[in-house]
């Protein structure tokens, strides 16, 4: 009889990384000899959504196989370089992880510790896994193409003495093995790469990825066949397992019960959507960290009003001083053009927090103006909702490039917009992009629908991701 085995999962702090990590864990426990402990690293300022999410598992049958342990909370330095502070914050968790895992082993003498599965930003934990003499695997929460870019930039720096900062204001187009087309470097490389310290920290992640036993990626072969082939044919990269699309698309009623305020808001939103014609509403939502300056908000409002679109707009306030995450406005009127809410009352609804999955699932939604975060990209594809790209930060410009230029399953509002940059996207450009989205040609809609079907099939028995996950379980 096979000995029972335990995996320790360490996601990055933040609800987006935690949810996709737990969804991978749920896929893995199809092997009845495997149990998983998820170690939760929390920022000191944003634990509520994480607590609610974990509580939603309390009565689930899967709670016997997947356990959660909160690591002791630590402060994060809010002064100086945010990226360096973040990496230091993660590094400082090593002692806590070591102590928790030692107790875990002690409490389960008949269970073999099979390894660590760490988030892409938690490479410091490779050191801890080595101390316990177990393998480490990375869970990469973005695209295979982005992973290929990281490895390529690390090779350029370490083997050819070429630094990303050189591309900041250049017109260079980079040939990256994981992308089909050359990348316009200054437009779509993550902004962090143009900072000396932040860029080095980011590229160092890829250097550490080379030390692990394998890399799980939240993607599927039909979506990223070129990128996955480029990774698997590079002899210096660990084995890659595509296990996506890894999404939490099940009913979220338990979460609603935990948070009655959000439950009420969700109910109002869904009731409003129920009254709209099929595929008539454009949904604007920019992720858990997405917000705009007032000047840009007014341009979006003018575009929506002038275009006469039916819209559902998740409009959030930029972070208050000393905070990292946006919050809901007490009142939207102050930031919108005077009289906007009255004039659009018949066709539009402005909200704060948005229950994105139920909204994308709703038949009234015909298009999604998105920041192109990878989770949001996969969710929109799952539900077959076409996207208008408006990236803000991180690798979102790369995702937008992929959707537009490589897969041809999106339209553009702005592919190279940067949240902290000086550019304000005009109402005319926004209106034109939304019009293209809502009047999308049938060929593009067919491609979106086909990719949606491919994603669902990939996870079924016999599908590409199901098979890849099986190979990973064999390795474990």
Protein backbone atom coordinates (compact mmCIF):
# COMPACT_ATOMS: atom_id res chain seq x y z
CA UNK A 1 0.00 0.00 0.00
CA UNK A 2 1.18 3.47 -0.91
CA UNK A 3 2.34 5.60 2.02
CA UNK A 4 0.26 8.75 2.56
CA UNK A 5 2.07 11.94 1.59
CA UNK A 6 1.81 15.59 2.56
CA UNK A 7 2.56 18.65 0.43
CA UNK A 8 3.14 22.07 1.98
CA UNK A 9 1.79 24.93 -0.14
CA UNK A 10 3.06 28.48 0.39
CA UNK A 11 1.13 31.09 -1.62
CA UNK A 12 2.08 34.75 -1.79
CA UNK A 13 0.04 37.08 0.39
CA UNK A 14 -3.10 38.34 -1.33
CA UNK A 15 -6.43 36.77 -2.16
CA UNK A 16 -5.70 36.34 -5.90
CA UNK A 17 -2.65 34.13 -5.29
CA UNK A 18 -4.34 32.22 -2.45
CA UNK A 19 -7.47 31.31 -4.45
CA UNK A 20 -5.59 29.91 -7.45
CA UNK A 21 -3.20 28.02 -5.12
CA UNK A 22 -6.10 26.37 -3.29
CA UNK A 23 -7.78 25.49 -6.61
CA UNK A 24 -4.59 23.61 -7.60
CA UNK A 25 -4.62 21.86 -4.21
CA UNK A 26 -8.23 20.77 -4.83
CA UNK A 27 -7.21 19.26 -8.18
CA UNK A 28 -4.28 17.40 -6.61
CA UNK A 29 -6.24 15.70 -3.84
CA UNK A 30 -7.88 13.52 -6.48
CA UNK A 31 -5.03 11.25 -5.30
CA UNK A 32 -6.53 9.89 -2.08
CA UNK A 33 -3.11 9.30 -0.49
CA UNK A 34 -2.26 13.00 -0.66
CA UNK A 35 -3.08 15.72 1.87
CA UNK A 36 -2.10 19.38 1.69
CA UNK A 37 -1.31 22.05 4.27
CA UNK A 38 -1.51 25.66 3.06
CA UNK A 39 0.62 28.17 5.01
CA UNK A 40 -1.00 31.61 4.92
CA UNK A 41 1.23 34.68 4.80
CA UNK A 42 -0.87 37.79 5.47
CA UNK A 43 -0.16 41.42 4.89
CA UNK A 44 -0.91 43.31 8.12
CA UNK A 45 -3.51 45.46 6.31
CA UNK A 46 -5.68 43.07 4.27
CA UNK A 47 -6.71 39.90 6.07
CA UNK A 48 -10.53 40.12 5.82
CA UNK A 49 -11.11 38.60 2.35
CA UNK A 50 -8.58 35.86 3.15
CA UNK A 51 -10.28 35.01 6.46
CA UNK A 52 -13.69 34.87 4.75
CA UNK A 53 -12.33 32.66 2.00
CA UNK A 54 -10.76 30.18 4.46
CA UNK A 55 -13.93 30.11 6.62
CA UNK A 56 -15.91 29.11 3.52
CA UNK A 57 -14.03 25.78 3.56
CA UNK A 58 -14.93 24.91 7.15
CA UNK A 59 -17.86 22.58 6.35
CA UNK A 60 -16.62 21.38 2.98
CA UNK A 61 -15.80 17.65 2.52
CA UNK A 62 -12.42 18.72 1.16
CA UNK A 63 -11.52 20.32 4.52
CA UNK A 64 -10.26 16.89 5.72
CA UNK A 65 -7.61 16.88 2.99
CA UNK A 66 -6.65 20.56 2.77
CA UNK A 67 -5.73 22.39 5.99
CA UNK A 68 -4.80 26.04 6.54
CA UNK A 69 -2.27 27.41 9.01
CA UNK A 70 -1.85 31.16 9.52
CA UNK A 71 1.78 32.20 9.93
CA UNK A 72 2.46 34.83 12.62
CA UNK A 73 1.78 38.28 11.21
CA UNK A 74 4.69 40.59 10.54
CA UNK A 75 4.81 44.23 9.59
CA UNK A 76 5.98 45.29 6.16
CA UNK A 77 8.13 48.38 5.69
CA UNK A 78 6.01 50.97 3.85
CA UNK A 79 8.92 53.35 3.23
CA UNK A 80 11.44 53.08 0.36
CA UNK A 81 11.32 50.65 -2.56
CA UNK A 82 8.07 48.67 -2.42
CA UNK A 83 9.43 45.73 -4.40
CA UNK A 84 12.48 45.27 -2.18
CA UNK A 85 10.27 45.64 0.91
CA UNK A 86 7.97 42.92 -0.42
CA UNK A 87 10.84 40.48 -1.07
CA UNK A 88 12.23 41.21 2.42
CA UNK A 89 8.78 40.61 3.90
CA UNK A 90 8.66 37.16 2.25
CA UNK A 91 12.27 36.34 3.25
CA UNK A 92 11.45 37.12 6.87
CA UNK A 93 8.82 34.36 6.93
CA UNK A 94 11.44 31.58 6.67
CA UNK A 95 11.75 31.03 10.44
CA UNK A 96 7.95 30.78 10.82
CA UNK A 97 7.70 28.30 7.95
CA UNK A 98 10.53 26.19 9.39
CA UNK A 99 8.84 26.05 12.82
CA UNK A 100 5.38 25.20 11.44
CA UNK A 101 6.68 22.44 9.14
CA UNK A 102 8.74 20.88 11.94
CA UNK A 103 5.59 20.68 14.11
CA UNK A 104 3.61 19.30 11.17
CA UNK A 105 6.09 16.45 10.63
CA UNK A 106 6.06 15.70 14.35
CA UNK A 107 2.24 15.53 14.42
CA UNK A 108 2.03 13.11 11.46
CA UNK A 109 4.70 10.43 12.03
CA UNK A 110 3.17 8.04 9.47
CA UNK A 111 2.92 10.62 6.69
CA UNK A 112 5.81 11.40 4.35
CA UNK A 113 6.57 15.07 3.66
CA UNK A 114 6.63 14.97 -0.15
CA UNK A 115 7.73 18.53 -0.82
CA UNK A 116 6.94 22.25 -0.90
CA UNK A 117 4.84 23.91 -3.59
CA UNK A 118 5.73 27.59 -3.40
CA UNK A 119 4.31 30.65 -5.09
CA UNK A 120 6.44 32.31 -7.76
CA UNK A 121 7.36 35.11 -5.31
CA UNK A 122 8.29 32.79 -2.41
CA UNK A 123 11.61 31.44 -3.70
CA UNK A 124 13.23 32.10 -0.28
CA UNK A 125 11.34 28.98 0.88
CA UNK A 126 13.54 26.77 -1.33
CA UNK A 127 16.14 27.16 1.45
CA UNK A 128 13.69 25.83 4.05
CA UNK A 129 12.67 22.86 1.87
CA UNK A 130 16.36 22.01 1.42
CA UNK A 131 16.78 21.93 5.21
CA UNK A 132 14.04 19.27 5.36
CA UNK A 133 15.65 17.45 2.40
CA UNK A 134 12.47 17.60 0.31
CA UNK A 135 11.97 18.88 -3.27
CA UNK A 136 10.50 22.27 -4.08
CA UNK A 137 8.06 22.97 -6.89
CA UNK A 138 6.98 26.43 -8.03
CA UNK A 139 3.37 27.33 -8.75
CA UNK A 140 3.56 30.06 -11.40
CA UNK A 141 0.32 32.04 -11.27
CA UNK A 142 0.75 33.79 -14.61
CA UNK A 143 1.21 32.70 -18.22
CA UNK A 144 3.79 30.32 -19.65
CA UNK A 145 4.84 33.12 -22.01
CA UNK A 146 5.63 35.37 -19.01
CA UNK A 147 7.67 32.60 -17.40
CA UNK A 148 9.64 32.22 -20.63
CA UNK A 149 10.31 35.96 -20.63
CA UNK A 150 11.68 35.80 -17.07
CA UNK A 151 14.09 33.00 -17.96
CA UNK A 152 15.19 34.84 -21.11
CA UNK A 153 15.87 38.11 -19.24
CA UNK A 154 17.82 36.22 -16.58
CA UNK A 155 20.00 34.66 -19.31
CA UNK A 156 20.54 38.08 -20.94
CA UNK A 157 21.66 39.54 -17.60
CA UNK A 158 23.78 36.69 -16.24
CA UNK A 159 25.28 35.30 -19.46
CA UNK A 160 25.38 38.37 -21.73
CA UNK A 161 25.64 41.24 -19.23
CA UNK A 162 22.55 42.93 -20.70
CA UNK A 163 20.21 44.72 -18.28
CA UNK A 164 16.50 45.39 -18.78
CA UNK A 165 16.89 49.07 -17.86
CA UNK A 166 18.44 49.54 -21.31
CA UNK A 167 15.00 48.97 -22.85
CA UNK A 168 13.15 51.62 -20.82
CA UNK A 169 12.82 54.28 -23.53
CA UNK A 170 14.02 52.25 -26.49
CA UNK A 171 12.15 51.28 -29.64
CA UNK A 172 13.75 47.82 -29.47
CA UNK A 173 11.67 44.76 -30.25
CA UNK A 174 12.79 41.74 -28.25
CA UNK A 175 12.74 38.27 -29.72
CA UNK A 176 11.65 36.02 -26.83
CA UNK A 177 11.41 32.24 -27.43
CA UNK A 178 8.08 31.98 -25.52
CA UNK A 179 6.36 34.62 -27.68
CA UNK A 180 5.50 34.14 -31.35
CA UNK A 181 5.99 37.82 -32.24
CA UNK A 182 8.78 40.22 -31.17
CA UNK A 183 7.87 42.24 -28.06
CA UNK A 184 7.94 46.06 -28.15
CA UNK A 185 10.12 46.26 -25.03
CA UNK A 186 9.36 49.74 -23.68
CA UNK A 187 5.62 49.28 -24.18
CA UNK A 188 4.94 45.86 -22.70
CA UNK A 189 7.76 44.77 -20.37
CA UNK A 190 6.68 44.90 -16.69
CA UNK A 191 7.52 48.33 -15.26
CA UNK A 192 9.45 46.76 -12.37
CA UNK A 193 12.14 45.70 -14.86
CA UNK A 194 13.01 49.34 -15.51
CA UNK A 195 14.05 49.88 -11.88
CA UNK A 196 17.55 48.72 -10.94
CA UNK A 197 16.78 47.07 -7.58
CA UNK A 198 13.26 45.92 -8.43
CA UNK A 199 14.35 44.58 -11.80
CA UNK A 200 17.20 42.59 -10.29
CA UNK A 201 14.90 41.18 -7.60
CA UNK A 202 12.42 40.08 -10.27
CA UNK A 203 15.04 38.47 -12.50
CA UNK A 204 16.59 36.74 -9.46
CA UNK A 205 13.29 34.86 -9.06
CA UNK A 206 13.91 33.18 -12.42
CA UNK A 207 17.44 32.30 -11.32
CA UNK A 208 16.00 30.48 -8.28
CA UNK A 209 13.33 28.76 -10.41
CA UNK A 210 16.18 26.82 -12.00
CA UNK A 211 16.85 25.19 -8.60
CA UNK A 212 13.43 23.55 -8.26
CA UNK A 213 12.20 20.08 -9.27
CA UNK A 214 9.36 21.32 -11.44
CA UNK A 215 7.07 24.26 -12.26
CA UNK A 216 3.28 24.12 -12.22
CA UNK A 217 1.72 26.77 -14.49
CA UNK A 218 -1.85 28.04 -14.48
CA UNK A 219 -2.39 27.57 -18.21
CA UNK A 220 -3.37 24.92 -20.75
CA UNK A 221 -1.66 23.67 -23.88
CA UNK A 222 -4.37 24.81 -26.32
CA UNK A 223 -3.98 28.40 -25.05
CA UNK A 224 -0.16 28.50 -24.93
CA UNK A 225 1.17 25.69 -27.11
CA UNK A 226 4.06 27.81 -28.45
CA UNK A 227 5.21 29.03 -25.03
CA UNK A 228 4.96 25.59 -23.42
CA UNK A 229 6.94 24.02 -26.26
CA UNK A 230 9.67 26.66 -25.93
CA UNK A 231 9.96 25.92 -22.18
CA UNK A 232 10.00 22.14 -22.53
CA UNK A 233 12.61 22.22 -25.30
CA UNK A 234 15.03 24.35 -23.25
CA UNK A 235 17.29 21.84 -21.50
CA UNK A 236 18.15 24.24 -18.66
CA UNK A 237 14.59 24.76 -17.38
CA UNK A 238 13.00 22.30 -14.87
CA UNK A 239 10.03 20.20 -16.04
CA UNK A 240 6.88 22.26 -16.60
CA UNK A 241 3.38 21.00 -15.74
CA UNK A 242 0.46 22.96 -17.23
CA UNK A 243 -2.49 22.43 -14.89
CA UNK A 244 -4.93 25.23 -15.80
CA UNK A 245 -7.22 26.93 -16.19
CA UNK A 246 -7.18 26.90 -12.39
CA UNK A 247 -10.17 28.99 -11.32
CA UNK A 248 -12.69 29.27 -8.52
CA UNK A 249 -15.84 29.31 -10.64
CA UNK A 250 -18.08 27.32 -8.30
CA UNK A 251 -21.00 28.86 -6.41
CA UNK A 252 -19.83 31.37 -3.82
CA UNK A 253 -22.90 31.17 -1.58
CA UNK A 254 -20.81 30.25 1.48
CA UNK A 255 -18.73 33.39 1.05
CA UNK A 256 -21.97 35.38 0.81
CA UNK A 257 -23.14 33.98 4.12
CA UNK A 258 -19.90 35.05 5.77
CA UNK A 259 -20.15 38.64 4.49
CA UNK A 260 -23.75 39.85 4.50
CA UNK A 261 -22.83 43.32 3.15
CA UNK A 262 -21.22 41.82 0.05
CA UNK A 263 -24.11 39.35 -0.25
CA UNK A 264 -26.59 42.26 -0.37
CA UNK A 265 -24.44 44.12 -2.93
CA UNK A 266 -24.15 41.02 -5.09
CA UNK A 267 -27.90 40.47 -4.96
CA UNK A 268 -28.57 44.03 -6.18
CA UNK A 269 -26.04 43.67 -9.02
CA UNK A 270 -27.46 40.35 -10.20
CA UNK A 271 -31.02 41.67 -10.04
CA UNK A 272 -29.99 44.64 -12.22
CA UNK A 273 -28.31 42.30 -14.74
CA UNK A 274 -31.43 40.12 -14.83
CA UNK A 275 -33.32 43.10 -16.27
CA UNK A 276 -30.84 43.66 -19.14
CA UNK A 277 -31.05 42.06 -22.63
CA UNK A 278 -28.66 39.17 -23.45
CA UNK A 279 -25.04 40.15 -24.28
CA UNK A 280 -25.92 43.87 -24.01
CA UNK A 281 -23.84 44.99 -21.01
CA UNK A 282 -20.16 45.96 -21.00
CA UNK A 283 -18.54 45.15 -17.63
CA UNK A 284 -15.63 47.36 -16.54
CA UNK A 285 -13.48 45.97 -13.72
CA UNK A 286 -9.76 46.38 -13.01
CA UNK A 287 -8.89 43.84 -10.32
CA UNK A 288 -8.25 44.02 -6.59
CA UNK A 289 -5.55 46.69 -7.05
CA UNK A 290 -7.16 48.60 -9.92
CA UNK A 291 -8.07 52.29 -9.58
CA UNK A 292 -7.71 55.53 -11.57
CA UNK A 293 -7.09 59.21 -10.91
CA UNK A 294 -10.16 61.47 -11.10
CA UNK A 295 -9.12 62.87 -14.48
CA UNK A 296 -9.14 59.37 -16.00
CA UNK A 297 -12.40 58.42 -14.29
CA UNK A 298 -14.14 61.36 -15.98
CA UNK A 299 -12.84 60.26 -19.42
CA UNK A 300 -14.28 56.76 -18.87
CA UNK A 301 -17.61 58.27 -17.81
CA UNK A 302 -17.76 60.50 -20.90
CA UNK A 303 -17.01 57.51 -23.14
CA UNK A 304 -19.78 55.43 -21.58
CA UNK A 305 -22.32 58.23 -21.75
CA UNK A 306 -21.50 59.42 -25.26
CA UNK A 307 -21.41 55.85 -26.61
CA UNK A 308 -24.81 55.08 -25.07
CA UNK A 309 -23.56 51.70 -23.82
CA UNK A 310 -25.32 49.59 -21.23
CA UNK A 311 -22.62 49.27 -18.57
CA UNK A 312 -21.73 47.83 -15.18
CA UNK A 313 -18.69 49.69 -13.85
CA UNK A 314 -16.66 48.67 -10.80
CA UNK A 315 -15.23 52.06 -9.81
CA UNK A 316 -12.89 52.09 -6.84
CA UNK A 317 -11.00 54.77 -4.95
CA UNK A 318 -7.18 54.94 -5.18
CA UNK A 319 -5.43 53.73 -1.99
CA UNK A 320 -5.56 56.14 0.95
CA UNK A 321 -2.25 57.32 2.41
CA UNK A 322 -0.37 54.44 4.05
CA UNK A 323 -2.59 51.84 2.33
CA UNK A 324 -1.82 49.58 -0.63
CA UNK A 325 -5.26 48.49 -1.83
CA UNK A 326 -8.06 50.60 -3.33
CA UNK A 327 -11.30 50.94 -1.37
CA UNK A 328 -14.94 51.63 -2.24
CA UNK A 329 -16.11 55.22 -2.53
CA UNK A 330 -18.67 56.32 0.06
CA UNK A 331 -20.28 58.28 -2.78
CA UNK A 332 -19.38 58.08 -6.47
CA UNK A 333 -20.90 61.46 -7.38
CA UNK A 334 -17.87 63.51 -6.34
CA UNK A 335 -15.50 61.78 -8.77
CA UNK A 336 -17.90 61.53 -11.77
CA UNK A 337 -19.02 64.31 -14.13
CA UNK A 338 -21.91 66.30 -12.65
CA UNK A 339 -25.26 64.62 -13.35
CA UNK A 340 -23.67 61.51 -14.90
CA UNK A 341 -25.46 59.04 -12.61
CA UNK A 342 -28.86 60.64 -13.30
CA UNK A 343 -28.34 60.79 -17.06
CA UNK A 344 -27.22 57.14 -17.31
CA UNK A 345 -29.63 55.71 -14.71
CA UNK A 346 -31.63 53.85 -17.35
CA UNK A 347 -28.70 51.99 -18.91
CA UNK A 348 -25.80 51.92 -16.45
CA UNK A 349 -24.87 50.94 -12.93
CA UNK A 350 -21.77 52.15 -11.05
CA UNK A 351 -20.66 49.83 -8.23
CA UNK A 352 -17.67 49.41 -5.91
CA UNK A 353 -16.54 45.86 -5.17
CA UNK A 354 -17.61 43.43 -7.91
CA UNK A 355 -18.37 39.69 -7.67
CA UNK A 356 -16.51 39.11 -10.93
CA UNK A 357 -17.25 35.42 -11.55
CA UNK A 358 -21.06 35.62 -11.23
CA UNK A 359 -21.06 38.77 -13.37
CA UNK A 360 -18.99 37.19 -16.17
CA UNK A 361 -21.23 34.12 -16.00
CA UNK A 362 -24.40 36.22 -16.46
CA UNK A 363 -25.94 36.06 -19.97
CA UNK A 364 -26.50 39.86 -20.03
CA UNK A 365 -22.73 40.50 -20.11
CA UNK A 366 -21.40 40.79 -23.65
CA UNK A 367 -17.95 42.29 -23.12
CA UNK A 368 -15.32 42.88 -20.42
CA UNK A 369 -13.03 45.93 -20.15
CA UNK A 370 -10.21 44.37 -18.14
CA UNK A 371 -6.78 45.08 -16.68
CA UNK A 372 -5.75 41.67 -18.10
CA UNK A 373 -4.58 40.14 -14.85
CA UNK A 374 -4.00 36.45 -15.57
CA UNK A 375 -6.83 35.21 -13.31
CA UNK A 376 -9.25 37.65 -14.95
CA UNK A 377 -8.02 36.65 -18.40
CA UNK A 378 -8.67 32.97 -17.67
CA UNK A 379 -12.08 33.75 -16.14
CA UNK A 380 -13.19 35.75 -19.17
CA UNK A 381 -12.11 32.89 -21.47
CA UNK A 382 -13.86 30.29 -19.28
CA UNK A 383 -17.17 32.13 -19.69
CA UNK A 384 -16.51 33.04 -23.33
CA UNK A 385 -16.68 36.80 -22.69
CA UNK A 386 -14.46 38.82 -25.08
CA UNK A 387 -12.08 41.39 -23.59
CA UNK A 388 -11.05 44.97 -24.33
CA UNK A 389 -7.51 45.32 -22.96
CA UNK A 390 -6.54 48.05 -20.48
CA UNK A 391 -3.54 46.77 -18.47
CA UNK A 392 -2.32 48.71 -15.44
CA UNK A 393 0.81 47.11 -13.90
CA UNK A 394 2.93 43.95 -13.40
CA UNK A 395 2.80 41.56 -16.37
CA UNK A 396 -0.63 42.78 -17.55
CA UNK A 397 0.78 44.53 -20.63
CA UNK A 398 2.30 41.19 -21.68
CA UNK A 399 -1.07 39.48 -21.23
CA UNK A 400 -2.75 42.17 -23.30
CA UNK A 401 -0.13 41.71 -26.05
CA UNK A 402 -0.76 37.97 -26.01
CA UNK A 403 -4.55 38.33 -26.27
CA UNK A 404 -4.35 40.95 -29.02
CA UNK A 405 -1.40 40.04 -31.20
CA UNK A 406 -0.82 36.33 -30.62
CA UNK A 407 -4.26 34.85 -29.98
CA UNK A 408 -6.36 37.54 -31.70
CA UNK A 409 -9.21 37.09 -29.23
CA UNK A 410 -9.44 40.65 -27.83
CA UNK A 411 -9.74 44.29 -28.87
CA UNK A 412 -7.59 47.16 -27.65
CA UNK A 413 -8.41 50.17 -25.54
CA UNK A 414 -4.75 50.65 -24.64
CA UNK A 415 -2.13 47.89 -24.62
CA UNK A 416 0.77 49.83 -23.08
CA UNK A 417 -0.98 51.97 -20.43
CA UNK A 418 0.83 52.15 -17.07
CA UNK A 419 -0.98 52.96 -13.86
CA UNK A 420 1.69 55.35 -12.56
CA UNK A 421 2.45 56.93 -15.93
CA UNK A 422 1.43 60.41 -17.12
CA UNK A 423 -0.91 59.20 -19.90
CA UNK A 424 -4.65 59.80 -19.71
CA UNK A 425 -6.60 57.66 -22.19
CA UNK A 426 -9.09 59.87 -24.00
CA UNK A 427 -12.85 59.30 -23.94
CA UNK A 428 -12.79 58.94 -27.74
CA UNK A 429 -10.26 56.10 -27.57
CA UNK A 430 -12.20 54.37 -24.77
CA UNK A 431 -15.51 54.74 -26.60
CA UNK A 432 -14.00 53.37 -29.82
CA UNK A 433 -12.54 50.35 -27.99
CA UNK A 434 -15.83 49.54 -26.24
CA UNK A 435 -17.74 49.93 -29.53
CA UNK A 436 -15.33 47.46 -31.20
CA UNK A 437 -15.81 45.09 -28.25
CA UNK A 438 -19.61 45.14 -28.25
CA UNK A 439 -19.80 44.88 -32.06
CA UNK A 440 -17.11 42.20 -32.32
CA UNK A 441 -16.95 40.28 -35.58
CA UNK A 442 -18.18 36.69 -35.60
CA UNK A 443 -14.73 35.20 -36.35
CA UNK A 444 -13.23 36.65 -33.15
CA UNK A 445 -16.25 35.57 -31.10
CA UNK A 446 -15.84 32.05 -32.52
CA UNK A 447 -12.17 32.00 -31.46
CA UNK A 448 -13.14 33.11 -27.93
CA UNK A 449 -15.84 30.40 -27.76
CA UNK A 450 -13.42 27.75 -29.05
CA UNK A 451 -10.82 28.73 -26.42
CA UNK A 452 -13.52 28.57 -23.74
CA UNK A 453 -14.41 25.02 -24.81
CA UNK A 454 -10.72 24.04 -24.96
CA UNK A 455 -10.13 25.27 -21.41
CA UNK A 456 -12.98 23.18 -20.02
CA UNK A 457 -11.89 20.07 -21.93
CA UNK A 458 -8.29 20.47 -20.72
CA UNK A 459 -9.39 19.77 -17.13
CA UNK A 460 -11.53 16.73 -17.92
CA UNK A 461 -10.30 13.15 -17.70
CA UNK A 462 -8.23 12.69 -20.85
CA UNK A 463 -7.67 16.44 -21.28
CA UNK A 464 -4.23 18.02 -21.64
CA UNK A 465 -4.08 19.59 -18.15
CA UNK A 466 -5.60 16.52 -16.50
CA UNK A 467 -2.78 14.43 -18.01
CA UNK A 468 -0.10 16.97 -17.03
CA UNK A 469 -1.39 17.01 -13.45
CA UNK A 470 -1.17 13.20 -13.45
CA UNK A 471 2.50 13.43 -14.46
CA UNK A 472 3.12 15.80 -11.54
CA UNK A 473 1.40 13.38 -9.11
CA UNK A 474 3.63 10.58 -10.42
CA UNK A 475 6.66 12.77 -9.67
CA UNK A 476 5.38 13.40 -6.12
